[in-house]
């Protein structure tokens, strides 16, 4: 209470809107939350892209190793004949 009785006020005239910056703080919190959500989304995209790239490289290396093994077996079979 804003000590209305010390200002000789009563009723509606005693009311003072307290300036606490609540509205501005709420808007700033909403902006901050939106910004954090955007950052989290971007980070998730980076992680997903890195995982996809790693999986692609692993698949490519496995295919190269398989091809090399098949070539080695073919050479052994040709040498055995």
PDB file of N, CA and C in Angstrom:
ATOM      1  N   UNK A   1       0.857  -1.184   0.000  1.00  0.00           N
ATOM      2  CA  UNK A   1       0.000   0.000   0.000  1.00  0.00           C
ATOM      3  C   UNK A   1       0.889   1.229   0.000  1.00  0.00           C
ATOM      4  N   UNK A   2       0.472   2.222  -0.726  1.00  0.00           N
ATOM      5  CA  UNK A   2       1.293   3.411  -0.931  1.00  0.00           C
ATOM      6  C   UNK A   2       1.056   4.485   0.141  1.00  0.00           C
ATOM      7  N   UNK A   3       0.678   4.093   1.341  1.00  0.00           N
ATOM      8  CA  UNK A   3       0.455   5.041   2.437  1.00  0.00           C
ATOM      9  C   UNK A   3      -0.493   6.159   2.033  1.00  0.00           C
ATOM     10  N   UNK A   4      -1.622   5.735   1.475  1.00  0.00           N
ATOM     11  CA  UNK A   4      -2.620   6.691   0.994  1.00  0.00           C
ATOM     12  C   UNK A   4      -3.087   7.615   2.112  1.00  0.00           C
ATOM     13  N   UNK A   5      -3.081   7.104   3.325  1.00  0.00           N
ATOM     14  CA  UNK A   5      -3.581   7.914   4.433  1.00  0.00           C
ATOM     15  C   UNK A   5      -2.631   9.058   4.757  1.00  0.00           C
ATOM     16  N   UNK A   6      -1.360   8.948   4.401  1.00  0.00           N
ATOM     17  CA  UNK A   6      -0.427  10.050   4.632  1.00  0.00           C
ATOM     18  C   UNK A   6      -0.557  11.115   3.552  1.00  0.00           C
ATOM     19  N   UNK A   7      -1.178  10.774   2.429  1.00  0.00           N
ATOM     20  CA  UNK A   7      -1.371  11.750   1.358  1.00  0.00           C
ATOM     21  C   UNK A   7      -2.771  12.347   1.407  1.00  0.00           C
ATOM     22  N   UNK A   8      -3.513  12.055   2.456  1.00  0.00           N
ATOM     23  CA  UNK A   8      -4.878  12.556   2.609  1.00  0.00           C
ATOM     24  C   UNK A   8      -5.746  12.178   1.425  1.00  0.00           C
ATOM     25  N   UNK A   9      -5.651  10.940   0.986  1.00  0.00           N
ATOM     26  CA  UNK A   9      -6.463  10.458  -0.132  1.00  0.00           C
ATOM     27  C   UNK A   9      -7.360   9.338   0.358  1.00  0.00           C
ATOM     28  N   UNK A  10      -8.490   9.189  -0.301  1.00  0.00           N
ATOM     29  CA  UNK A  10      -9.417   8.112   0.013  1.00  0.00           C
ATOM     30  C   UNK A  10     -10.003   7.587  -1.288  1.00  0.00           C
ATOM     31  N   UNK A  11     -10.373   6.317  -1.322  1.00  0.00           N
ATOM     32  CA  UNK A  11     -11.069   5.746  -2.461  1.00  0.00           C
ATOM     33  C   UNK A  11     -10.208   5.655  -3.706  1.00  0.00           C
ATOM     34  N   UNK A  12     -10.829   5.967  -4.880  1.00  0.00           N
ATOM     35  CA  UNK A  12     -10.129   5.840  -6.161  1.00  0.00           C
ATOM     36  C   UNK A  12      -8.926   6.763  -6.257  1.00  0.00           C
ATOM     37  N   UNK A  13      -9.022   7.930  -5.672  1.00  0.00           N
ATOM     38  CA  UNK A  13      -7.909   8.880  -5.767  1.00  0.00           C
ATOM     39  C   UNK A  13      -6.689   8.399  -4.994  1.00  0.00           C
ATOM     40  N   UNK A  14      -6.879   7.430  -4.102  1.00  0.00           N
ATOM     41  CA  UNK A  14      -5.760   6.901  -3.333  1.00  0.00           C
ATOM     42  C   UNK A  14      -4.968   5.884  -4.132  1.00  0.00           C
ATOM     43  N   UNK A  15      -5.554   5.408  -5.205  1.00  0.00           N
ATOM     44  CA  UNK A  15      -4.904   4.354  -5.985  1.00  0.00           C
ATOM     45  C   UNK A  15      -3.781   4.927  -6.847  1.00  0.00           C
ATOM     46  N   UNK A  16      -2.668   4.294  -6.781  1.00  0.00           N
ATOM     47  CA  UNK A  16      -1.512   4.669  -7.596  1.00  0.00           C
ATOM     48  C   UNK A  16      -1.055   3.401  -8.301  1.00  0.00           C
ATOM     49  N   UNK A  17      -0.845   3.534  -9.564  1.00  0.00           N
ATOM     50  CA  UNK A  17      -0.320   2.369 -10.267  1.00  0.00           C
ATOM     51  C   UNK A  17       1.158   2.267  -9.936  1.00  0.00           C
ATOM     52  N   UNK A  18       1.519   1.162  -9.367  1.00  0.00           N
ATOM     53  CA  UNK A  18       2.893   0.957  -8.956  1.00  0.00           C
ATOM     54  C   UNK A  18       3.724   0.596 -10.179  1.00  0.00           C
ATOM     55  N   UNK A  19       4.764   1.344 -10.406  1.00  0.00           N
ATOM     56  CA  UNK A  19       5.608   1.129 -11.575  1.00  0.00           C
ATOM     57  C   UNK A  19       6.714   0.141 -11.209  1.00  0.00           C
ATOM     58  N   UNK A  20       6.455  -1.118 -11.462  1.00  0.00           N
ATOM     59  CA  UNK A  20       7.441  -2.142 -11.126  1.00  0.00           C
ATOM     60  C   UNK A  20       8.135  -2.690 -12.362  1.00  0.00           C
ATOM     61  N   UNK A  21       7.681  -2.264 -13.535  1.00  0.00           N
ATOM     62  CA  UNK A  21       8.290  -2.778 -14.756  1.00  0.00           C
ATOM     63  C   UNK A  21       7.892  -4.210 -15.047  1.00  0.00           C
ATOM     64  N   UNK A  22       6.777  -4.648 -14.500  1.00  0.00           N
ATOM     65  CA  UNK A  22       6.348  -6.035 -14.684  1.00  0.00           C
ATOM     66  C   UNK A  22       6.053  -6.318 -16.146  1.00  0.00           C
ATOM     67  N   UNK A  23       5.364  -5.406 -16.798  1.00  0.00           N
ATOM     68  CA  UNK A  23       5.003  -5.629 -18.202  1.00  0.00           C
ATOM     69  C   UNK A  23       6.259  -5.711 -19.070  1.00  0.00           C
ATOM     70  N   UNK A  24       7.188  -4.783 -18.851  1.00  0.00           N
ATOM     71  CA  UNK A  24       8.426  -4.798 -19.637  1.00  0.00           C
ATOM     72  C   UNK A  24       9.222  -6.069 -19.356  1.00  0.00           C
ATOM     73  N   UNK A  25       9.275  -6.472 -18.100  1.00  0.00           N
ATOM     74  CA  UNK A  25      10.012  -7.680 -17.745  1.00  0.00           C
ATOM     75  C   UNK A  25       9.366  -8.894 -18.398  1.00  0.00           C
ATOM     76  N   UNK A  26       8.031  -8.923 -18.408  1.00  0.00           N
ATOM     77  CA  UNK A  26       7.325 -10.048 -19.020  1.00  0.00           C
ATOM     78  C   UNK A  26       7.615 -10.105 -20.513  1.00  0.00           C
ATOM     79  N   UNK A  27       7.605  -8.942 -21.181  1.00  0.00           N
ATOM     80  CA  UNK A  27       7.910  -8.906 -22.612  1.00  0.00           C
ATOM     81  C   UNK A  27       9.345  -9.345 -22.861  1.00  0.00           C
ATOM     82  N   UNK A  28      10.271  -8.884 -22.014  1.00  0.00           N
ATOM     83  CA  UNK A  28      11.670  -9.277 -22.170  1.00  0.00           C
ATOM     84  C   UNK A  28      11.840 -10.776 -21.960  1.00  0.00           C
ATOM     85  N   UNK A  29      11.122 -11.329 -20.982  1.00  0.00           N
ATOM     86  CA  UNK A  29      11.195 -12.771 -20.745  1.00  0.00           C
ATOM     87  C   UNK A  29      10.684 -13.540 -21.954  1.00  0.00           C
ATOM     88  N   UNK A  30       9.590 -13.057 -22.553  1.00  0.00           N
ATOM     89  CA  UNK A  30       9.048 -13.724 -23.736  1.00  0.00           C
ATOM     90  C   UNK A  30      10.046 -13.664 -24.889  1.00  0.00           C
ATOM     91  N   UNK A  31      10.665 -12.497 -25.068  1.00  0.00           N
ATOM     92  CA  UNK A  31      11.677 -12.363 -26.129  1.00  0.00           C
ATOM     93  C   UNK A  31      12.842 -13.303 -25.868  1.00  0.00           C
ATOM     94  N   UNK A  32      13.289 -13.333 -24.616  1.00  0.00           N
ATOM     95  CA  UNK A  32      14.426 -14.174 -24.252  1.00  0.00           C
ATOM     96  C   UNK A  32      14.085 -15.646 -24.477  1.00  0.00           C
ATOM     97  N   UNK A  33      12.868 -16.050 -24.096  1.00  0.00           N
ATOM     98  CA  UNK A  33      12.450 -17.434 -24.309  1.00  0.00           C
ATOM     99  C   UNK A  33      12.419 -17.776 -25.793  1.00  0.00           C
ATOM    100  N   UNK A  34      11.902 -16.844 -26.610  1.00  0.00           N
ATOM    101  CA  UNK A  34      11.850 -17.084 -28.053  1.00  0.00           C
ATOM    102  C   UNK A  34      13.261 -17.205 -28.622  1.00  0.00           C
ATOM    103  N   UNK A  35      14.154 -16.353 -28.163  1.00  0.00           N
ATOM    104  CA  UNK A  35      15.535 -16.387 -28.639  1.00  0.00           C
ATOM    105  C   UNK A  35      16.212 -17.692 -28.225  1.00  0.00           C
ATOM    106  N   UNK A  36      15.986 -18.116 -26.983  1.00  0.00           N
ATOM    107  CA  UNK A  36      16.569 -19.377 -26.516  1.00  0.00           C
ATOM    108  C   UNK A  36      16.015 -20.562 -27.292  1.00  0.00           C
ATOM    109  N   UNK A  37      14.725 -20.522 -27.608  1.00  0.00           N
ATOM    110  CA  UNK A  37      14.126 -21.602 -28.396  1.00  0.00           C
ATOM    111  C   UNK A  37      14.750 -21.649 -29.788  1.00  0.00           C
ATOM    112  N   UNK A  38      14.972 -20.488 -30.381  1.00  0.00           N
ATOM    113  CA  UNK A  38      15.597 -20.423 -31.711  1.00  0.00           C
ATOM    114  C   UNK A  38      17.024 -20.969 -31.654  1.00  0.00           C
ATOM    115  N   UNK A  39      17.773 -20.578 -30.612  1.00  0.00           N
ATOM    116  CA  UNK A  39      19.144 -21.083 -30.457  1.00  0.00           C
ATOM    117  C   UNK A  39      19.146 -22.600 -30.286  1.00  0.00           C
ATOM    118  N   UNK A  40      18.211 -23.114 -29.496  1.00  0.00           N
ATOM    119  CA  UNK A  40      18.127 -24.560 -29.278  1.00  0.00           C
ATOM    120  C   UNK A  40      17.794 -25.277 -30.582  1.00  0.00           C
ATOM    121  N   UNK A  41      16.897 -24.682 -31.384  1.00  0.00           N
ATOM    122  CA  UNK A  41      16.530 -25.296 -32.664  1.00  0.00           C
ATOM    123  C   UNK A  41      17.741 -25.335 -33.594  1.00  0.00           C
ATOM    124  N   UNK A  42      18.477 -24.245 -33.658  1.00  0.00           N
ATOM    125  CA  UNK A  42      19.658 -24.184 -34.526  1.00  0.00           C
ATOM    126  C   UNK A  42      20.705 -25.199 -34.061  1.00  0.00           C
ATOM    127  N   UNK A  43      20.905 -25.288 -32.742  1.00  0.00           N
ATOM    128  CA  UNK A  43      21.872 -26.242 -32.206  1.00  0.00           C
ATOM    129  C   UNK A  43      21.445 -27.678 -32.521  1.00  0.00           C
ATOM    130  N   UNK A  44      20.152 -27.955 -32.419  1.00  0.00           N
ATOM    131  CA  UNK A  44      19.644 -29.295 -32.734  1.00  0.00           C
ATOM    132  C   UNK A  44      19.867 -29.617 -34.206  1.00  0.00           C
ATOM    133  N   UNK A  45      19.672 -28.616 -35.072  1.00  0.00           N
ATOM    134  CA  UNK A  45      19.925 -28.833 -36.499  1.00  0.00           C
ATOM    135  C   UNK A  45      21.394 -29.135 -36.743  1.00  0.00           C
ATOM    136  N   UNK A  46      22.292 -28.417 -36.054  1.00  0.00           N
ATOM    137  CA  UNK A  46      23.731 -28.660 -36.208  1.00  0.00           C
ATOM    138  C   UNK A  46      24.087 -30.076 -35.772  1.00  0.00           C
ATOM    139  N   UNK A  47      23.536 -30.494 -34.630  1.00  0.00           N
ATOM    140  CA  UNK A  47      23.823 -31.836 -34.117  1.00  0.00           C
ATOM    141  C   UNK A  47      23.305 -32.891 -35.085  1.00  0.00           C
ATOM    142  N   UNK A  48      22.087 -32.690 -35.588  1.00  0.00           N
ATOM    143  CA  UNK A  48      21.509 -33.653 -36.527  1.00  0.00           C
ATOM    144  C   UNK A  48      22.336 -33.726 -37.805  1.00  0.00           C
ATOM    145  N   UNK A  49      22.797 -32.574 -38.293  1.00  0.00           N
ATOM    146  CA  UNK A  49      23.615 -32.556 -39.504  1.00  0.00           C
ATOM    147  C   UNK A  49      24.943 -33.266 -39.257  1.00  0.00           C
ATOM    148  N   UNK A  50      25.545 -33.047 -38.096  1.00  0.00           N
ATOM    149  CA  UNK A  50      26.813 -33.700 -37.775  1.00  0.00           C
ATOM    150  C   UNK A  50      26.628 -35.212 -37.671  1.00  0.00           C
ATOM    151  N   UNK A  51      25.534 -35.640 -37.056  1.00  0.00           N
ATOM    152  CA  UNK A  51      25.279 -37.075 -36.940  1.00  0.00           C
ATOM    153  C   UNK A  51      25.028 -37.697 -38.309  1.00  0.00           C
ATOM    154  N   UNK A  52      24.299 -36.995 -39.166  1.00  0.00           N
ATOM    155  CA  UNK A  52      24.033 -37.508 -40.507  1.00  0.00           C
ATOM    156  C   UNK A  52      25.332 -37.618 -41.298  1.00  0.00           C
ATOM    157  N   UNK A  53      26.200 -36.610 -41.169  1.00  0.00           N
ATOM    158  CA  UNK A  53      27.482 -36.633 -41.866  1.00  0.00           C
ATOM    159  C   UNK A  53      28.341 -37.789 -41.360  1.00  0.00           C
ATOM    160  N   UNK A  54      28.364 -37.999 -40.046  1.00  0.00           N
ATOM    161  CA  UNK A  54      29.147 -39.096 -39.476  1.00  0.00           C
ATOM    162  C   UNK A  54      28.612 -40.443 -39.957  1.00  0.00           C
ATOM    163  N   UNK A  55      27.302 -40.591 -40.000  1.00  0.00           N
ATOM    164  CA  UNK A  55      26.706 -41.847 -40.473  1.00  0.00           C
ATOM    165  C   UNK A  55      27.027 -42.065 -41.945  1.00  0.00           C
ATOM    166  N   UNK A  56      26.978 -40.996 -42.720  1.00  0.00           N
ATOM    167  CA  UNK A  56      27.286 -41.096 -44.153  1.00  0.00           C
ATOM    168  C   UNK A  56      28.740 -41.510 -44.365  1.00  0.00           C
ATOM    169  N   UNK A  57      29.651 -40.900 -43.593  1.00  0.00           N
ATOM    170  CA  UNK A  57      31.067 -41.255 -43.716  1.00  0.00           C
ATOM    171  C   UNK A  57      31.300 -42.704 -43.301  1.00  0.00           C
ATOM    172  N   UNK A  58      30.639 -43.132 -42.224  1.00  0.00           N
ATOM    173  CA  UNK A  58      30.795 -44.510 -41.756  1.00  0.00           C
ATOM    174  C   UNK A  58      30.285 -45.488 -42.805  1.00  0.00           C
ATOM    175  N   UNK A  59      29.161 -45.179 -43.428  1.00  0.00           N
ATOM    176  CA  UNK A  59      28.616 -46.048 -44.472  1.00  0.00           C
ATOM    177  C   UNK A  59      29.556 -46.088 -45.674  1.00  0.00           C
ATOM    178  N   UNK A  60      30.120 -44.945 -46.025  1.00  0.00           N
ATOM    179  CA  UNK A  60      31.040 -44.882 -47.166  1.00  0.00           C
ATOM    180  C   UNK A  60      32.305 -45.696 -46.867  1.00  0.00           C
ATOM    181  N   UNK A  61      32.839 -45.552 -45.649  1.00  0.00           N
ATOM    182  CA  UNK A  61      34.032 -46.312 -45.279  1.00  0.00           C
ATOM    183  C   UNK A  61      33.743 -47.810 -45.257  1.00  0.00           C
ATOM    184  N   UNK A  62      32.564 -48.183 -44.777  1.00  0.00           N
ATOM    185  CA  UNK A  62      32.196 -49.600 -44.753  1.00  0.00           C
ATOM    186  C   UNK A  62      32.086 -50.139 -46.177  1.00  0.00           C
ATOM    187  N   UNK A  63      31.517 -49.352 -47.083  1.00  0.00           N
ATOM    188  CA  UNK A  63      31.391 -49.780 -48.477  1.00  0.00           C
ATOM    189  C   UNK A  63      32.768 -49.918 -49.117  1.00  0.00           C
ATOM    190  N   UNK A  64      33.672 -48.975 -48.830  1.00  0.00           N
ATOM    191  CA  UNK A  64      35.030 -49.048 -49.382  1.00  0.00           C
ATOM    192  C   UNK A  64      35.762 -50.276 -48.839  1.00  0.00           C
ATOM    193  N   UNK A  65      35.598 -50.548 -47.537  1.00  0.00           N
ATOM    194  CA  UNK A  65      36.256 -51.704 -46.935  1.00  0.00           C
ATOM    195  C   UNK A  65      35.710 -52.996 -47.537  1.00  0.00           C
ATOM    196  N   UNK A  66      34.394 -53.048 -47.739  1.00  0.00           N
ATOM    197  CA  UNK A  66      33.775 -54.236 -48.325  1.00  0.00           C
ATOM    198  C   UNK A  66      34.283 -54.445 -49.749  1.00  0.00           C
ATOM    199  N   UNK A  67      34.391 -53.360 -50.521  1.00  0.00           N
ATOM    200  CA  UNK A  67      34.891 -53.459 -51.893  1.00  0.00           C
ATOM    201  C   UNK A  67      36.345 -53.919 -51.892  1.00  0.00           C
ATOM    202  N   UNK A  68      37.138 -53.407 -50.956  1.00  0.00           N
ATOM    203  CA  UNK A  68      38.541 -53.811 -50.871  1.00  0.00           C
ATOM    204  C   UNK A  68      38.650 -55.286 -50.490  1.00  0.00           C
ATOM    205  N   UNK A  69      37.808 -55.743 -49.564  1.00  0.00           N
ATOM    206  CA  UNK A  69      37.819 -57.156 -49.168  1.00  0.00           C
ATOM    207  C   UNK A  69      37.430 -58.053 -50.341  1.00  0.00           C
ATOM    208  N   UNK A  70      36.410 -57.642 -51.096  1.00  0.00           N
ATOM    209  CA  UNK A  70      35.979 -58.430 -52.255  1.00  0.00           C
ATOM    210  C   UNK A  70      37.070 -58.474 -53.318  1.00  0.00           C
ATOM    211  N   UNK A  71      37.764 -57.348 -53.504  1.00  0.00           N
ATOM    212  CA  UNK A  71      38.853 -57.318 -54.479  1.00  0.00           C
ATOM    213  C   UNK A  71      39.985 -58.238 -54.026  1.00  0.00           C
ATOM    214  N   UNK A  72      40.274 -58.243 -52.735  1.00  0.00           N
ATOM    215  CA  UNK A  72      41.336 -59.107 -52.210  1.00  0.00           C
ATOM    216  C   UNK A  72      40.951 -60.576 -52.381  1.00  0.00           C
ATOM    217  N   UNK A  73      39.692 -60.914 -52.129  1.00  0.00           N
ATOM    218  CA  UNK A  73      39.235 -62.298 -52.312  1.00  0.00           C
ATOM    219  C   UNK A  73      39.309 -62.700 -53.778  1.00  0.00           C
ATOM    220  N   UNK A  74      38.969 -61.775 -54.662  1.00  0.00           N
ATOM    221  CA  UNK A  74      39.028 -62.067 -56.093  1.00  0.00           C
ATOM    222  C   UNK A  74      40.472 -62.302 -56.518  1.00  0.00           C
ATOM    223  N   UNK A  75      41.398 -61.512 -55.979  1.00  0.00           N
ATOM    224  CA  UNK A  75      42.818 -61.697 -56.305  1.00  0.00           C
ATOM    225  C   UNK A  75      43.314 -63.040 -55.781  1.00  0.00           C
ATOM    226  N   UNK A  76      42.892 -63.407 -54.566  1.00  0.00           N
ATOM    227  CA  UNK A  76      43.299 -64.695 -54.000  1.00  0.00           C
ATOM    228  C   UNK A  76      42.749 -65.849 -54.835  1.00  0.00           C
ATOM    229  N   UNK A  77      41.501 -65.705 -55.275  1.00  0.00           N
ATOM    230  CA  UNK A  77      40.889 -66.757 -56.092  1.00  0.00           C
ATOM    231  C   UNK A  77      41.608 -66.856 -57.431  1.00  0.00           C
ATOM    232  N   UNK A  78      41.988 -65.730 -58.011  1.00  0.00           N
ATOM    233  CA  UNK A  78      42.694 -65.736 -59.289  1.00  0.00           C
ATOM    234  C   UNK A  78      44.097 -66.312 -59.112  1.00  0.00           C
ATOM    235  N   UNK A  79      44.725 -66.019 -58.006  1.00  0.00           N
ATOM    236  CA  UNK A  79      46.072 -66.529 -57.749  1.00  0.00           C
ATOM    237  C   UNK A  79      46.030 -68.029 -57.452  1.00  0.00           C
ATOM    238  N   UNK A  80      44.955 -68.501 -56.867  1.00  0.00           N
ATOM    239  CA  UNK A  80      44.830 -69.916 -56.523  1.00  0.00           C
ATOM    240  C   UNK A  80      44.604 -70.767 -57.767  1.00  0.00           C
ATOM    241  N   UNK A  81      44.081 -70.203 -58.828  1.00  0.00           N
ATOM    242  CA  UNK A  81      43.792 -70.987 -60.032  1.00  0.00           C
ATOM    243  C   UNK A  81      44.995 -71.232 -60.806  1.00  0.00           C
TER     244      UNK A  81
END
